[in-house]
N, C-alpha and C. Protein backbone atom coordinates (compact mmCIF):
# COMPACT_ATOMS: atom_id res chain seq x y z
N MET A 1 11.62 10.63 5.82
CA MET A 1 12.01 10.40 4.44
C MET A 1 11.41 11.55 3.71
N THR A 2 11.83 12.55 2.69
CA THR A 2 11.35 13.19 1.91
C THR A 2 11.46 12.65 0.52
N ASN A 3 10.60 13.50 -0.38
CA ASN A 3 10.49 12.89 -1.83
C ASN A 3 11.78 13.06 -2.47
N GLN A 4 12.99 14.12 -2.00
CA GLN A 4 14.12 14.27 -2.46
C GLN A 4 14.95 13.14 -2.20
N GLU A 5 14.64 12.16 -0.98
CA GLU A 5 15.54 11.27 -0.82
C GLU A 5 14.91 9.87 -1.27
N LEU A 6 13.79 9.66 -1.80
CA LEU A 6 13.29 8.63 -2.50
C LEU A 6 13.72 8.45 -3.77
N PRO A 7 13.78 7.20 -4.19
CA PRO A 7 14.09 7.08 -5.77
C PRO A 7 13.11 7.36 -6.55
N PRO A 8 13.18 7.48 -7.94
CA PRO A 8 12.20 7.95 -8.80
C PRO A 8 11.03 6.92 -8.69
N LYS A 9 9.59 7.23 -9.27
CA LYS A 9 8.58 6.49 -9.08
C LYS A 9 8.82 5.32 -10.05
N THR A 10 8.14 4.39 -10.00
CA THR A 10 8.20 3.16 -11.00
C THR A 10 6.85 3.54 -11.75
N CYS A 11 5.64 3.94 -11.11
CA CYS A 11 4.57 3.92 -11.73
C CYS A 11 3.73 5.07 -11.23
N THR A 12 2.47 5.20 -11.37
CA THR A 12 1.64 6.41 -11.22
C THR A 12 0.82 5.87 -10.10
N ILE A 13 0.26 7.14 -9.27
CA ILE A 13 -0.52 6.78 -8.14
C ILE A 13 -1.76 6.45 -8.78
N GLU A 14 -2.41 6.57 -9.92
CA GLU A 14 -3.56 5.94 -10.32
C GLU A 14 -3.57 4.42 -10.57
N ARG A 15 -2.64 3.82 -10.43
CA ARG A 15 -2.31 2.38 -10.24
C ARG A 15 -2.20 1.76 -8.89
N LEU A 16 -1.99 2.68 -7.82
CA LEU A 16 -1.77 2.45 -6.43
C LEU A 16 -2.72 1.68 -5.90
N VAL A 17 -4.15 1.86 -6.16
CA VAL A 17 -5.11 0.89 -5.70
C VAL A 17 -6.19 0.72 -6.59
N THR A 18 -6.04 -0.80 -7.07
CA THR A 18 -6.85 -0.69 -8.38
C THR A 18 -7.98 -1.93 -8.09
N LYS A 19 -7.56 -2.82 -7.28
CA LYS A 19 -8.65 -4.26 -7.07
C LYS A 19 -9.85 -3.74 -6.41
N ALA A 20 -10.72 -4.04 -6.97
CA ALA A 20 -12.17 -3.57 -6.52
C ALA A 20 -12.43 -3.78 -4.97
N GLU A 21 -11.81 -4.91 -4.55
CA GLU A 21 -12.21 -5.04 -2.95
C GLU A 21 -11.01 -4.35 -2.10
N ASP A 22 -10.22 -3.87 -2.57
CA ASP A 22 -9.25 -2.75 -1.88
C ASP A 22 -9.70 -1.63 -2.13
N VAL A 23 -10.38 -1.38 -3.16
CA VAL A 23 -10.96 0.11 -3.22
C VAL A 23 -12.00 0.37 -2.21
N GLU A 24 -12.94 -0.74 -1.96
CA GLU A 24 -13.88 -0.70 -0.92
C GLU A 24 -13.38 -0.79 0.30
N LYS A 25 -12.17 -1.20 0.78
CA LYS A 25 -11.44 -1.19 2.00
C LYS A 25 -11.13 0.22 2.36
N VAL A 26 -10.60 0.81 1.03
CA VAL A 26 -10.27 2.29 1.41
C VAL A 26 -11.09 3.11 1.82
N LEU A 27 -12.47 2.87 0.81
CA LEU A 27 -13.63 3.60 1.32
C LEU A 27 -14.14 3.73 2.43
N GLN A 28 -14.32 2.28 2.93
CA GLN A 28 -14.61 1.92 4.31
C GLN A 28 -13.85 2.45 5.42
N GLY A 29 -12.38 2.75 5.00
CA GLY A 29 -11.60 3.13 6.13
C GLY A 29 -10.77 2.16 6.67
N THR A 30 -11.07 0.75 6.19
CA THR A 30 -10.32 -0.13 6.86
C THR A 30 -9.13 -0.70 6.11
N LYS A 31 -8.48 0.26 5.16
CA LYS A 31 -7.07 0.13 4.39
C LYS A 31 -6.63 1.42 4.46
N THR A 32 -5.67 1.60 5.00
CA THR A 32 -4.82 2.75 4.85
C THR A 32 -3.41 2.96 4.36
N ALA A 33 -3.05 2.12 4.15
CA ALA A 33 -1.67 1.56 3.37
C ALA A 33 -2.04 0.36 2.20
N THR A 34 -0.77 0.48 1.40
CA THR A 34 -0.63 -0.28 0.44
C THR A 34 0.78 -0.70 -0.16
N ARG A 35 1.18 -1.91 -0.04
CA ARG A 35 2.60 -2.22 -0.35
C ARG A 35 2.55 -2.68 -1.84
N ARG A 36 3.72 -2.04 -2.37
CA ARG A 36 3.84 -2.40 -3.93
C ARG A 36 5.19 -2.61 -4.23
N ASN A 37 5.82 -3.45 -5.24
CA ASN A 37 7.20 -3.80 -5.39
C ASN A 37 7.87 -2.76 -6.23
N GLY A 38 7.38 -1.68 -6.25
CA GLY A 38 7.43 -0.20 -6.68
C GLY A 38 7.33 0.86 -6.30
N ARG A 39 7.61 1.95 -6.48
CA ARG A 39 7.34 3.42 -5.77
C ARG A 39 6.04 4.08 -6.60
N TYR A 40 4.84 4.12 -6.15
CA TYR A 40 3.77 4.61 -7.20
C TYR A 40 3.29 5.87 -6.77
N ALA A 41 3.99 6.58 -5.66
CA ALA A 41 3.43 7.77 -5.47
C ALA A 41 4.43 8.44 -4.40
N ASP A 42 4.19 9.86 -4.16
CA ASP A 42 5.22 10.89 -4.01
C ASP A 42 4.51 11.20 -2.44
N ILE A 43 5.13 11.53 -1.39
CA ILE A 43 4.22 12.12 -0.22
C ILE A 43 3.69 13.44 -0.57
N GLY A 44 2.50 13.53 -0.09
CA GLY A 44 1.64 14.66 -0.20
C GLY A 44 0.83 14.55 -1.63
N GLU A 45 0.92 13.30 -2.36
CA GLU A 45 0.39 13.40 -3.68
C GLU A 45 -0.94 12.97 -3.23
N ILE A 46 -2.01 13.28 -4.13
CA ILE A 46 -3.29 12.89 -3.82
C ILE A 46 -3.90 11.69 -4.73
N MET A 47 -4.27 10.81 -4.33
CA MET A 47 -5.20 9.71 -5.17
C MET A 47 -6.71 9.71 -4.96
N GLU A 48 -7.06 9.58 -5.90
CA GLU A 48 -8.77 9.60 -6.01
C GLU A 48 -9.41 8.34 -6.18
N LEU A 49 -10.49 8.32 -5.34
CA LEU A 49 -10.97 6.80 -5.57
C LEU A 49 -12.44 7.19 -5.35
N GLN A 50 -13.49 7.11 -6.55
CA GLN A 50 -14.90 7.07 -6.39
C GLN A 50 -15.05 8.54 -5.90
N GLY A 51 -14.40 9.59 -6.30
CA GLY A 51 -15.01 10.88 -5.70
C GLY A 51 -14.15 11.47 -4.33
N LYS A 52 -13.56 10.46 -3.89
CA LYS A 52 -13.11 10.79 -2.37
C LYS A 52 -11.48 10.98 -2.75
N LYS A 53 -10.96 11.74 -2.01
CA LYS A 53 -9.39 12.17 -1.95
C LYS A 53 -8.77 11.61 -0.97
N TYR A 54 -7.62 10.93 -1.45
CA TYR A 54 -6.72 10.52 -0.24
C TYR A 54 -5.25 10.96 -0.52
N ILE A 55 -4.66 11.62 0.73
CA ILE A 55 -3.34 12.16 0.66
C ILE A 55 -2.18 10.95 1.04
N VAL A 56 -1.41 10.81 0.44
CA VAL A 56 -0.16 9.96 0.81
C VAL A 56 0.61 10.64 1.76
N ASN A 57 0.69 10.27 2.86
CA ASN A 57 1.43 10.72 4.06
C ASN A 57 2.68 10.18 4.31
N SER A 58 2.87 8.95 3.94
CA SER A 58 4.30 8.50 4.10
C SER A 58 4.63 7.38 3.06
N VAL A 59 5.95 7.35 2.58
CA VAL A 59 6.39 6.40 1.64
C VAL A 59 7.84 5.85 2.23
N TYR A 60 7.82 4.41 2.35
CA TYR A 60 9.14 4.12 2.77
C TYR A 60 9.33 2.64 2.21
N SER A 61 10.45 1.97 2.35
CA SER A 61 10.83 0.82 2.00
C SER A 61 10.96 0.02 3.40
N GLN A 62 10.18 -1.34 3.11
CA GLN A 62 10.17 -2.22 4.33
C GLN A 62 10.51 -3.79 3.62
N SER A 63 11.05 -4.65 4.49
CA SER A 63 11.16 -6.10 4.14
C SER A 63 9.77 -6.89 4.60
N LEU A 64 9.36 -7.74 3.81
CA LEU A 64 8.47 -8.62 3.98
C LEU A 64 8.25 -9.31 5.59
N GLY A 65 9.60 -9.47 5.91
CA GLY A 65 9.92 -10.12 6.90
C GLY A 65 9.57 -9.06 8.14
N GLU A 66 9.74 -8.00 7.87
CA GLU A 66 9.39 -6.98 8.90
C GLU A 66 7.57 -6.38 9.42
N LEU A 67 6.80 -7.25 8.28
CA LEU A 67 5.53 -7.05 8.59
C LEU A 67 4.81 -7.61 9.76
N THR A 68 4.20 -6.71 10.50
CA THR A 68 3.41 -7.16 11.72
C THR A 68 1.89 -7.35 11.59
N ASP A 69 1.19 -7.90 12.69
CA ASP A 69 -0.22 -7.89 12.22
C ASP A 69 -0.49 -6.57 12.12
N ASP A 70 -0.10 -5.47 13.02
CA ASP A 70 -0.49 -3.85 12.79
C ASP A 70 -0.32 -3.57 11.21
N HIS A 71 0.69 -3.97 10.77
CA HIS A 71 0.65 -3.70 9.18
C HIS A 71 -0.41 -4.08 8.20
N ALA A 72 -0.65 -5.59 8.58
CA ALA A 72 -1.66 -6.17 7.95
C ALA A 72 -3.07 -5.54 7.96
N LYS A 73 -3.19 -5.03 9.35
CA LYS A 73 -4.29 -4.56 9.70
C LYS A 73 -4.51 -3.22 8.68
N GLN A 74 -3.57 -2.30 8.39
CA GLN A 74 -3.46 -1.17 7.62
C GLN A 74 -3.85 -1.52 6.01
N GLU A 75 -3.53 -2.91 5.72
CA GLU A 75 -3.87 -3.27 4.60
C GLU A 75 -5.33 -3.71 4.44
N GLY A 76 -5.95 -3.73 5.58
CA GLY A 76 -7.25 -4.35 5.68
C GLY A 76 -7.46 -5.69 5.86
N PHE A 77 -6.44 -6.46 6.40
CA PHE A 77 -6.49 -7.91 6.50
C PHE A 77 -6.24 -8.12 8.37
N LYS A 78 -6.69 -9.27 8.86
CA LYS A 78 -6.61 -9.55 10.31
C LYS A 78 -5.03 -9.87 10.76
N SER A 79 -4.47 -10.40 9.90
CA SER A 79 -2.82 -10.68 10.29
C SER A 79 -2.14 -10.94 9.11
N VAL A 80 -0.91 -10.90 9.00
CA VAL A 80 0.01 -11.12 8.49
C VAL A 80 -0.04 -12.49 7.39
N GLU A 81 -0.71 -13.40 8.27
CA GLU A 81 -0.85 -14.74 7.59
C GLU A 81 -2.17 -14.45 6.60
N ASP A 82 -3.02 -13.82 6.93
CA ASP A 82 -4.33 -13.44 6.07
C ASP A 82 -3.81 -12.86 4.96
N TYR A 83 -2.64 -11.55 5.15
CA TYR A 83 -2.23 -10.81 4.22
C TYR A 83 -1.43 -11.54 3.03
N LYS A 84 -0.74 -12.41 3.74
CA LYS A 84 0.56 -13.11 2.80
C LYS A 84 -0.54 -14.04 1.95
N ASN A 85 -1.36 -14.96 2.53
CA ASN A 85 -2.20 -15.60 1.42
C ASN A 85 -3.04 -14.85 0.42
N ALA A 86 -3.47 -13.65 0.84
CA ALA A 86 -4.23 -12.88 -0.29
C ALA A 86 -3.24 -12.50 -1.19
N ILE A 87 -1.89 -11.94 -1.03
CA ILE A 87 -1.04 -11.48 -1.97
C ILE A 87 -0.57 -12.69 -2.87
N LEU A 88 -0.37 -13.87 -2.42
CA LEU A 88 -0.03 -15.14 -3.11
C LEU A 88 -1.20 -15.47 -4.22
N SER A 89 -2.33 -15.40 -3.44
CA SER A 89 -3.38 -15.75 -4.53
C SER A 89 -3.49 -14.86 -5.68
N TYR A 90 -3.24 -13.56 -5.52
CA TYR A 90 -3.34 -12.43 -6.41
C TYR A 90 -2.08 -12.80 -7.52
N HIS A 91 -0.77 -13.30 -7.14
CA HIS A 91 0.43 -13.54 -7.84
C HIS A 91 0.78 -14.77 -7.76
N PRO A 92 0.12 -15.90 -8.42
CA PRO A 92 0.31 -17.21 -8.61
C PRO A 92 1.99 -17.62 -8.79
N GLY A 93 2.28 -18.47 -7.99
CA GLY A 93 3.88 -18.65 -8.22
C GLY A 93 4.66 -17.94 -7.64
N MET A 94 4.42 -16.55 -7.27
CA MET A 94 5.33 -15.84 -6.46
C MET A 94 5.70 -16.13 -5.33
N PRO A 95 6.97 -16.35 -5.04
CA PRO A 95 7.69 -16.84 -3.52
C PRO A 95 7.49 -15.57 -2.66
N TRP A 96 7.23 -15.85 -1.33
CA TRP A 96 7.04 -15.13 -0.30
C TRP A 96 8.45 -14.90 0.35
N HIS A 97 9.48 -13.92 0.04
CA HIS A 97 10.81 -13.99 0.83
C HIS A 97 10.81 -13.10 1.79
N PRO A 98 11.07 -13.42 2.97
CA PRO A 98 11.15 -12.33 4.00
C PRO A 98 11.99 -11.23 3.88
N ASN A 99 13.17 -11.36 2.98
CA ASN A 99 14.04 -10.47 3.01
C ASN A 99 13.72 -9.49 1.63
N MET A 100 12.44 -9.89 1.03
CA MET A 100 12.11 -9.13 -0.22
C MET A 100 11.79 -7.71 0.23
N ARG A 101 11.92 -6.62 -0.44
CA ARG A 101 11.57 -5.33 -0.02
C ARG A 101 10.49 -4.93 -0.91
N VAL A 102 9.55 -3.98 -0.23
CA VAL A 102 8.40 -3.68 -1.09
C VAL A 102 8.26 -1.99 -0.46
N TRP A 103 7.92 -1.38 -1.27
CA TRP A 103 7.22 0.17 -0.75
C TRP A 103 6.11 0.21 -0.24
N VAL A 104 6.07 0.88 1.01
CA VAL A 104 4.97 0.94 1.76
C VAL A 104 4.26 2.39 1.28
N HIS A 105 3.07 2.63 0.82
CA HIS A 105 2.43 3.80 1.00
C HIS A 105 1.27 4.10 1.78
N GLU A 106 1.35 5.08 2.69
CA GLU A 106 0.28 5.22 3.78
C GLU A 106 -0.29 6.31 3.43
N PHE A 107 -1.69 6.27 3.32
CA PHE A 107 -2.64 7.46 3.00
C PHE A 107 -3.90 7.53 4.04
N SER A 108 -4.30 8.72 4.16
CA SER A 108 -5.46 9.03 4.80
C SER A 108 -6.57 9.99 3.87
N LEU A 109 -7.86 9.82 4.15
CA LEU A 109 -8.97 10.73 3.53
C LEU A 109 -8.53 12.24 3.88
N VAL A 110 -8.64 12.89 2.73
CA VAL A 110 -8.63 14.44 2.81
C VAL A 110 -9.98 15.00 3.19
N THR A 111 -10.01 15.49 4.31
CA THR A 111 -11.24 16.23 4.88
C THR A 111 -11.37 17.73 4.40
N GLU A 112 -11.92 18.52 4.00
CA GLU A 112 -12.28 19.59 3.60
C GLU A 112 -12.91 20.55 4.44
């Protein structure tokens, strides 16, 4: 998918990874993707965290029911169940619907 095929962004890349524990996971290399309910970045866009730059390699839509343990590992969790529990703890009262769609933003460290 190219940026031209994606709907307009609903937020900015600066808001893509904001929780301190998530920033730490990115810096340690254990988090290489973030799922959001909106589109926060374009492919090729650069996110900066504590002086390190990360490039967005892929942006696509996915349903929560499609999540696998491998996807959870991209998020820095051991399993889908761990990821689900963390997300629900961040958003009290939010239901977890397998057919709910989220935007996946995959990124990697820019090495110069």
